[in-house]
Amino acid sequence: MQLDKFTDYALRVLMTLAVRTPDRVPTSEIAAIFALSENHLSKVATQLVAHGFAQSVRGRNGGLVLARPAAEIRVGDVVRAMKRDDAVVECFGTNKSCLILPACGLRSPLALAQEAFFSTLDGYTLADVTQQRSALVKLLEETAKP
């Protein structure tokens, strides 16, 4: 499976928030760090908030913060939420027009592979993938400098 950019950006945002906890981090700052469109990253942030992974604090000192501890956010849950039910292959979705669908033996192995992918990600939390906190903070700070 391949992650789409939306999901990739969501994971980057959450990792940034995890290493910057308890600070509020503006979306504009995260966009600048990763050289991404602020408009696009705002859409990602909106979905992270909607799914309960992040909280948005408005105002002069506003920004994003994790909605719960990093140890309670499973990577698999984030990927499931952000991928918005994108199917591995068309026939897993609403498109059932494939000519060989009635006799296809590929659907079962692909379904098992997809579940294995998510099961693996379920074994990791945001805290697990940000264990090198000091190194991540340093990299994020270096990137933020002009």
Protein backbone atom coordinates (compact mmCIF):
# COMPACT_ATOMS: atom_id res chain seq x y z
CA MET A 1 0.00 0.00 0.00
CA GLN A 2 1.06 3.53 -0.63
CA LEU A 3 0.07 6.47 1.52
CA ASP A 4 -1.35 9.48 -0.24
CA LYS A 5 0.11 12.93 0.39
CA PHE A 6 -2.82 13.91 2.62
CA THR A 7 -2.08 11.02 4.99
CA ASP A 8 1.67 11.65 4.84
CA TYR A 9 1.14 15.29 5.78
CA ALA A 10 -1.22 14.31 8.60
CA LEU A 11 1.44 12.06 10.10
CA ARG A 12 4.06 14.81 9.79
CA VAL A 13 1.76 17.28 11.53
CA LEU A 14 1.11 14.86 14.39
CA MET A 15 4.78 14.02 14.77
CA THR A 16 5.59 17.74 14.91
CA LEU A 17 2.93 18.28 17.56
CA ALA A 18 4.19 15.29 19.54
CA VAL A 19 7.75 16.57 19.76
CA ARG A 20 6.63 20.14 20.45
CA THR A 21 4.16 19.19 23.22
CA PRO A 22 2.88 21.12 25.16
CA ASP A 23 3.50 24.07 22.81
CA ARG A 24 0.84 25.20 20.36
CA VAL A 25 2.15 25.08 16.82
CA PRO A 26 0.54 27.24 14.12
CA THR A 27 -0.36 25.49 10.88
CA SER A 28 1.59 28.18 9.04
CA GLU A 29 4.74 27.19 10.93
CA ILE A 30 4.33 23.50 10.11
CA ALA A 31 3.67 24.38 6.46
CA ALA A 32 6.89 26.44 6.37
CA ILE A 33 8.94 23.67 8.03
CA PHE A 34 7.89 21.09 5.43
CA ALA A 35 7.63 23.56 2.51
CA LEU A 36 3.96 22.74 1.99
CA SER A 37 1.00 24.83 0.98
CA GLU A 38 -0.52 26.43 4.06
CA ASN A 39 -3.96 26.12 2.48
CA HIS A 40 -3.54 22.38 1.91
CA LEU A 41 -2.09 21.82 5.37
CA SER A 42 -5.07 23.67 6.87
CA LYS A 43 -7.33 21.05 5.28
CA VAL A 44 -5.20 18.31 6.80
CA ALA A 45 -5.35 20.01 10.20
CA THR A 46 -9.14 20.33 9.93
CA GLN A 47 -9.43 16.57 9.41
CA LEU A 48 -7.05 15.82 12.28
CA VAL A 49 -9.22 17.95 14.56
CA ALA A 50 -12.45 16.41 13.22
CA HIS A 51 -11.14 12.91 13.95
CA GLY A 52 -9.99 13.83 17.46
CA PHE A 53 -6.23 13.58 16.94
CA ALA A 54 -5.52 17.29 17.38
CA GLN A 55 -7.14 20.35 18.90
CA SER A 56 -7.15 23.80 17.37
CA VAL A 57 -6.68 26.77 19.66
CA ARG A 58 -7.65 30.12 18.18
CA GLY A 59 -6.23 33.51 18.94
CA ARG A 60 -2.94 35.32 19.04
CA ASN A 61 -1.08 32.43 20.66
CA GLY A 62 -3.17 29.81 18.93
CA GLY A 63 -2.20 26.77 16.97
CA LEU A 64 -2.52 23.02 17.03
CA VAL A 65 -1.88 20.68 19.94
CA LEU A 66 -2.39 16.95 20.33
CA ALA A 67 -5.90 16.11 21.52
CA ARG A 68 -4.56 13.32 23.73
CA PRO A 69 -1.15 11.94 24.71
CA ALA A 70 1.01 10.64 21.87
CA ALA A 71 1.05 7.20 23.51
CA GLU A 72 -2.72 7.00 22.96
CA ILE A 73 -2.69 7.82 19.24
CA ARG A 74 -2.21 4.71 17.11
CA VAL A 75 -0.63 5.25 13.70
CA GLY A 76 -3.08 2.78 12.16
CA ASP A 77 -6.04 4.82 13.39
CA VAL A 78 -4.60 7.97 11.85
CA VAL A 79 -3.97 6.30 8.50
CA ARG A 80 -7.45 4.77 8.43
CA ALA A 81 -9.04 8.12 9.21
CA MET A 82 -6.99 10.12 6.72
CA LYS A 83 -7.18 7.70 3.80
CA ARG A 84 -10.92 8.27 3.75
CA ASP A 85 -11.69 4.67 2.79
CA ASP A 86 -9.46 4.67 -0.28
CA ALA A 87 -9.49 1.14 -1.60
CA VAL A 88 -6.35 -0.82 -2.48
CA VAL A 89 -8.04 -1.76 -5.75
CA GLU A 90 -11.20 -0.43 -7.37
CA CYS A 91 -13.31 -3.49 -6.61
CA PHE A 92 -12.91 -2.93 -2.85
CA GLY A 93 -14.76 0.34 -3.28
CA THR A 94 -18.00 1.09 -5.05
CA ASN A 95 -16.73 0.27 -8.54
CA LYS A 96 -17.76 -3.32 -9.25
CA SER A 97 -17.40 -3.10 -13.03
CA CYS A 98 -14.30 -5.25 -13.42
CA LEU A 99 -14.89 -8.01 -15.98
CA ILE A 100 -13.17 -10.75 -13.95
CA LEU A 101 -14.67 -9.80 -10.56
CA PRO A 102 -16.99 -12.85 -10.32
CA ALA A 103 -14.06 -15.28 -10.66
CA CYS A 104 -11.19 -13.18 -9.32
CA GLY A 105 -8.90 -14.91 -6.84
CA LEU A 106 -6.91 -11.76 -6.13
CA ARG A 107 -9.45 -10.03 -3.89
CA SER A 108 -8.85 -12.26 -0.87
CA PRO A 109 -5.04 -11.98 -0.84
CA LEU A 110 -5.27 -8.21 -1.33
CA ALA A 111 -7.80 -7.89 1.51
CA LEU A 112 -5.48 -9.89 3.78
CA ALA A 113 -2.51 -7.73 2.74
CA GLN A 114 -4.46 -4.56 3.46
CA GLU A 115 -5.45 -5.82 6.90
CA ALA A 116 -1.84 -6.84 7.63
CA PHE A 117 -0.73 -3.32 6.67
CA PHE A 118 -3.16 -1.73 9.13
CA SER A 119 -2.47 -4.33 11.82
CA THR A 120 1.23 -3.51 11.65
CA LEU A 121 0.53 0.22 11.96
CA ASP A 122 -1.84 -0.46 14.87
CA GLY A 123 1.16 -1.79 16.77
CA TYR A 124 2.75 1.67 16.84
CA THR A 125 1.73 4.86 18.58
CA LEU A 126 2.74 8.42 17.88
CA ALA A 127 4.99 8.16 20.95
CA ASP A 128 6.75 5.14 19.42
CA VAL A 129 7.55 6.93 16.16
CA THR A 130 8.80 10.07 17.92
CA GLN A 131 11.17 8.38 20.37
CA GLN A 132 14.09 10.30 18.90
CA ARG A 133 12.48 13.49 20.17
CA SER A 134 15.63 15.59 20.58
CA ALA A 135 16.85 14.71 17.08
CA LEU A 136 13.44 15.49 15.61
CA VAL A 137 13.22 18.81 17.45
CA LYS A 138 16.67 19.75 16.15
CA LEU A 139 15.76 18.87 12.57
CA LEU A 140 12.49 20.79 12.76
CA GLU A 141 14.23 23.85 14.22
CA GLU A 142 16.98 23.78 11.58
CA THR A 143 14.41 23.57 8.81
CA ALA A 144 12.40 26.46 10.26
CA LYS A 145 15.41 28.82 10.12
CA PRO A 146 15.59 31.09 7.04
